[in-house]
Amino acid sequence: MNALMVIGMIALVVSTPAKAVEDYDACLDLIGSDADRAEREAGEWARFGGGAPARHCYALALLAIGAQSRGIDELLGMAIEEPGLEPEARADILIQAGEPLMEEPDTVTTVAEQALRLDQWNVDALALRARVRLANGDSRSALRDLDAALQRQPGNARFLTLRAAANRRLDRHVEARDDASFATESDPGDASAWLERGRAEAALRDTNAARFSFLESIALDRDGSTGASAQRALQRMEAGIAD
């Protein structure tokens, strides 16, 4: 069971005033349909004794409306202060706080390592630390983290894609292609996996396969940053410029 499910289970025994948001699942659903309203009502729910479920939903609603700093602070405070949470749940909450902080790599590393101290086999913490290490150019350390994560979740497309990137940066292009290919098989709708597959195929001079992979990435994320990266990589390949 994912540790954050414990928070939802706690919601079943919390007594709160009658409101539009009265339980954790309803609150999460409201974030998807009306994040501003979810932020208001989850805040009220938390103030009137909603406990961990209300506080967690409130933090996620803050992130959803773009109040990043407040949402992160709420998650960090909850991970440290909230009574009754298992270490695994605290680790998961720390990871959620770290995800929006990628522009602060030292902070993210600290958060990921705190999560790993609470739950040493937390694969999301390993992947989060690997992302920072990749961004800092430490591909070998990132590869170790991702190997550990994939030992526990072998078919995880996100982890495979990250390991493909680490292998590519170490000029291990066959391994990068294999990881990215497994990722696209596991999750054919993952534009990032197709981008990494195309990059590895291009490095291996498999131009036709790379072109197909880049076009898949573009089609899946036509207006996003991954699709834009795939478009640039395709243009560079067609022009004979190494990516």
Protein backbone atom coordinates (compact mmCIF):
# COMPACT_ATOMS: atom_id res chain seq x y z
CA MET A 1 0.00 0.00 0.00
CA ASN A 2 1.31 3.47 -0.88
CA ALA A 3 2.05 5.29 2.34
CA LEU A 4 -0.05 8.28 1.30
CA MET A 5 -3.10 5.99 1.25
CA VAL A 6 -2.79 6.03 5.04
CA ILE A 7 -3.76 9.71 4.94
CA GLY A 8 -6.92 8.86 3.03
CA MET A 9 -7.73 6.09 5.48
CA ILE A 10 -7.33 8.51 8.39
CA ALA A 11 -9.99 10.66 6.71
CA LEU A 12 -12.60 7.99 7.34
CA VAL A 13 -12.41 8.52 11.09
CA VAL A 14 -12.08 12.31 11.19
CA SER A 15 -15.21 14.22 12.20
CA THR A 16 -15.68 17.54 10.41
CA PRO A 17 -18.41 20.11 9.87
CA ALA A 18 -20.81 19.46 6.99
CA LYS A 19 -19.17 21.07 3.96
CA ALA A 20 -18.84 20.48 0.22
CA VAL A 21 -15.49 18.86 1.02
CA GLU A 22 -15.93 16.27 3.75
CA ASP A 23 -13.43 13.58 2.91
CA TYR A 24 -10.05 13.15 1.28
CA ASP A 25 -11.14 11.63 -2.04
CA ALA A 26 -13.79 14.34 -2.57
CA CYS A 27 -11.19 16.98 -1.82
CA LEU A 28 -8.74 15.53 -4.36
CA ASP A 29 -11.51 15.36 -6.97
CA LEU A 30 -12.32 19.01 -6.32
CA ILE A 31 -8.68 19.99 -6.95
CA GLY A 32 -9.02 18.51 -10.42
CA SER A 33 -12.22 20.40 -11.23
CA ASP A 34 -11.91 23.65 -9.25
CA ALA A 35 -8.56 24.13 -7.50
CA ASP A 36 -9.44 27.58 -6.13
CA ARG A 37 -12.55 26.26 -4.43
CA ALA A 38 -10.60 23.23 -3.20
CA GLU A 39 -8.01 25.52 -1.62
CA ARG A 40 -10.71 27.49 0.24
CA GLU A 41 -12.69 24.50 1.41
CA ALA A 42 -9.70 22.34 2.32
CA GLY A 43 -8.38 25.26 4.34
CA GLU A 44 -11.66 25.44 6.23
CA TRP A 45 -11.69 21.67 6.67
CA ALA A 46 -8.18 21.80 8.13
CA ARG A 47 -9.07 24.64 10.50
CA PHE A 48 -12.11 22.74 11.77
CA GLY A 49 -10.22 19.60 12.75
CA GLY A 50 -9.80 17.76 9.46
CA GLY A 51 -6.37 16.55 10.52
CA ALA A 52 -3.81 15.02 8.18
CA PRO A 53 -6.21 14.40 5.24
CA ALA A 54 -7.40 18.01 5.21
CA ARG A 55 -3.92 19.43 5.61
CA HIS A 56 -2.52 17.28 2.82
CA CYS A 57 -5.35 18.17 0.43
CA TYR A 58 -4.92 21.84 1.31
CA ALA A 59 -1.20 21.65 0.47
CA LEU A 60 -1.92 19.99 -2.88
CA ALA A 61 -4.58 22.60 -3.65
CA LEU A 62 -2.06 25.36 -2.94
CA LEU A 63 0.33 23.79 -5.44
CA ALA A 64 -2.49 23.44 -7.97
CA ILE A 65 -3.35 27.16 -7.83
CA GLY A 66 0.30 28.15 -8.21
CA ALA A 67 0.98 29.06 -4.58
CA GLN A 68 4.14 26.99 -4.71
CA SER A 69 5.95 28.40 -1.70
CA ARG A 70 2.94 28.06 0.61
CA GLY A 71 2.16 24.57 -0.65
CA ILE A 72 5.74 23.40 -0.19
CA ASP A 73 5.91 24.91 3.29
CA GLU A 74 2.67 23.15 4.21
CA LEU A 75 3.97 19.79 2.97
CA LEU A 76 7.31 20.20 4.74
CA GLY A 77 5.58 21.25 7.95
CA MET A 78 3.24 18.31 7.72
CA ALA A 79 6.10 15.85 7.16
CA ILE A 80 7.84 17.14 10.27
CA GLU A 81 5.00 18.05 12.63
CA GLU A 82 1.87 16.04 11.85
CA PRO A 83 1.29 13.40 14.58
CA GLY A 84 0.36 9.84 13.81
CA LEU A 85 1.96 9.46 10.38
CA GLU A 86 4.06 6.43 9.57
CA PRO A 87 7.65 7.09 8.41
CA GLU A 88 6.75 5.94 4.89
CA ALA A 89 3.97 8.53 4.68
CA ARG A 90 6.32 11.27 5.89
CA ALA A 91 8.82 10.22 3.22
CA ASP A 92 6.18 10.42 0.49
CA ILE A 93 5.13 13.89 1.64
CA LEU A 94 8.75 15.08 1.63
CA ILE A 95 9.08 13.87 -1.97
CA GLN A 96 5.96 15.80 -2.96
CA ALA A 97 7.53 18.90 -1.42
CA GLY A 98 10.79 18.31 -3.28
CA GLU A 99 9.30 17.80 -6.74
CA PRO A 100 8.54 21.52 -7.37
CA LEU A 101 12.00 22.57 -6.10
CA MET A 102 14.16 21.29 -8.95
CA GLU A 103 15.64 24.77 -9.43
CA GLU A 104 17.07 24.45 -5.90
CA PRO A 105 19.15 21.27 -6.30
CA ASP A 106 20.78 21.38 -2.87
CA THR A 107 17.36 21.63 -1.20
CA VAL A 108 15.96 18.79 -3.30
CA THR A 109 18.93 16.58 -2.46
CA THR A 110 18.43 17.28 1.25
CA VAL A 111 14.71 16.49 0.99
CA ALA A 112 15.35 13.26 -0.94
CA GLU A 113 17.95 12.10 1.56
CA GLN A 114 15.67 12.89 4.49
CA ALA A 115 13.00 10.79 2.78
CA LEU A 116 15.47 7.93 2.32
CA ARG A 117 16.38 8.07 6.01
CA LEU A 118 12.71 7.57 6.79
CA ASP A 119 12.19 4.91 4.12
CA GLN A 120 15.46 3.60 2.73
CA TRP A 121 13.83 1.74 -0.19
CA ASN A 122 11.59 4.60 -1.33
CA VAL A 123 11.93 4.44 -5.11
CA ASP A 124 10.54 7.93 -5.67
CA ALA A 125 13.16 9.40 -3.35
CA LEU A 126 15.87 7.55 -5.27
CA ALA A 127 14.48 8.88 -8.56
CA LEU A 128 14.23 12.41 -7.21
CA ARG A 129 17.85 12.37 -6.08
CA ALA A 130 18.84 10.88 -9.44
CA ARG A 131 17.17 13.77 -11.27
CA VAL A 132 19.22 16.27 -9.28
CA ARG A 133 22.40 14.31 -9.91
CA LEU A 134 21.65 14.21 -13.63
CA ALA A 135 21.03 17.96 -13.66
CA ASN A 136 24.37 18.46 -11.88
CA GLY A 137 26.22 16.27 -14.37
CA ASP A 138 26.81 13.39 -11.94
CA SER A 139 25.46 10.69 -14.23
CA ARG A 140 27.26 7.79 -12.52
CA SER A 141 25.68 8.51 -9.15
CA ALA A 142 22.31 9.00 -10.85
CA LEU A 143 22.74 5.62 -12.52
CA ARG A 144 23.32 3.94 -9.14
CA ASP A 145 20.13 5.46 -7.74
CA LEU A 146 18.13 4.41 -10.79
CA ASP A 147 19.54 0.88 -10.76
CA ALA A 148 18.36 0.60 -7.16
CA ALA A 149 14.91 1.99 -7.99
CA LEU A 150 14.51 -0.34 -10.97
CA GLN A 151 15.47 -3.38 -8.92
CA ARG A 152 12.26 -2.72 -7.02
CA GLN A 153 10.09 -1.53 -9.91
CA PRO A 154 11.61 -3.07 -13.08
CA GLY A 155 8.97 -1.85 -15.52
CA ASN A 156 8.60 1.73 -14.27
CA ALA A 157 8.67 3.85 -17.43
CA ARG A 158 9.69 7.01 -15.60
CA PHE A 159 12.70 5.36 -13.98
CA LEU A 160 13.68 3.64 -17.24
CA THR A 161 13.56 6.98 -19.06
CA LEU A 162 15.75 8.63 -16.44
CA ARG A 163 18.22 5.75 -16.60
CA ALA A 164 18.25 6.04 -20.39
CA ALA A 165 19.26 9.69 -19.98
CA ALA A 166 22.01 8.73 -17.52
CA ASN A 167 23.33 6.04 -19.85
CA ARG A 168 23.24 8.39 -22.82
CA ARG A 169 25.29 10.99 -20.97
CA LEU A 170 27.84 8.28 -20.18
CA ASP A 171 27.97 7.39 -23.93
CA ARG A 172 26.34 4.04 -23.18
CA HIS A 173 24.00 4.41 -26.14
CA VAL A 174 22.99 0.76 -26.54
CA GLU A 175 21.95 0.62 -22.89
CA ALA A 176 20.17 3.97 -23.27
CA ARG A 177 18.24 2.70 -26.29
CA ASP A 178 17.28 -0.50 -24.49
CA ASP A 179 16.02 1.38 -21.42
CA ALA A 180 14.08 3.89 -23.50
CA SER A 181 12.61 1.12 -25.66
CA PHE A 182 11.39 -0.72 -22.56
CA ALA A 183 9.95 2.57 -21.30
CA THR A 184 7.96 3.16 -24.50
CA GLU A 185 6.67 -0.40 -24.35
CA SER A 186 5.65 0.05 -20.73
CA ASP A 187 4.02 3.44 -21.34
CA PRO A 188 3.51 4.24 -25.04
CA GLY A 189 2.00 7.60 -24.11
CA ASP A 190 5.14 8.91 -22.41
CA ALA A 191 6.60 11.63 -24.63
CA SER A 192 9.81 11.80 -22.59
CA ALA A 193 10.49 8.10 -23.17
CA TRP A 194 10.12 8.53 -26.92
CA LEU A 195 12.44 11.54 -26.81
CA GLU A 196 15.15 9.56 -25.00
CA ARG A 197 14.66 6.63 -27.37
CA GLY A 198 15.12 8.95 -30.34
CA ARG A 199 18.27 10.47 -28.86
CA ALA A 200 19.81 7.04 -28.28
CA GLU A 201 18.85 5.84 -31.76
CA ALA A 202 20.28 8.99 -33.31
CA ALA A 203 23.54 8.46 -31.42
CA LEU A 204 23.64 4.92 -32.82
CA ARG A 205 23.10 6.30 -36.35
CA ASP A 206 19.71 4.57 -36.66
CA THR A 207 18.20 7.59 -38.36
CA ASN A 208 14.89 6.10 -39.46
CA ALA A 209 14.13 4.72 -36.02
CA ALA A 210 15.17 7.99 -34.38
CA ARG A 211 12.96 10.00 -36.72
CA PHE A 212 9.98 7.81 -35.83
CA SER A 213 10.67 8.17 -32.10
CA PHE A 214 11.07 11.96 -32.28
CA LEU A 215 7.83 12.27 -34.24
CA GLU A 216 6.02 10.15 -31.64
CA SER A 217 7.29 12.44 -28.87
CA ILE A 218 6.20 15.54 -30.79
CA ALA A 219 2.73 14.10 -31.43
CA LEU A 220 2.28 13.22 -27.76
CA ASP A 221 3.40 16.64 -26.46
CA ARG A 222 2.83 18.99 -29.36
CA ASP A 223 2.53 22.15 -27.25
CA GLY A 224 4.84 21.16 -24.40
CA SER A 225 8.52 21.38 -23.58
CA THR A 226 9.21 17.70 -24.29
CA GLY A 227 7.68 17.97 -27.74
CA ALA A 228 9.72 21.11 -28.38
CA SER A 229 12.91 19.29 -27.34
CA ALA A 230 12.04 16.42 -29.67
CA GLN A 231 11.46 18.88 -32.51
CA ARG A 232 14.88 20.47 -31.95
CA ALA A 233 16.57 17.08 -31.72
CA LEU A 234 14.93 15.99 -34.97
CA GLN A 235 16.00 19.17 -36.75
CA ARG A 236 19.57 18.77 -35.53
CA MET A 237 19.69 15.16 -36.62
CA GLU A 238 18.35 16.00 -40.07
CA ALA A 239 20.97 18.75 -40.35
CA GLY A 240 23.73 16.33 -39.33
CA ILE A 241 24.44 18.12 -36.03
CA ALA A 242 25.11 15.98 -32.96
CA ASP A 243 22.50 16.47 -30.24
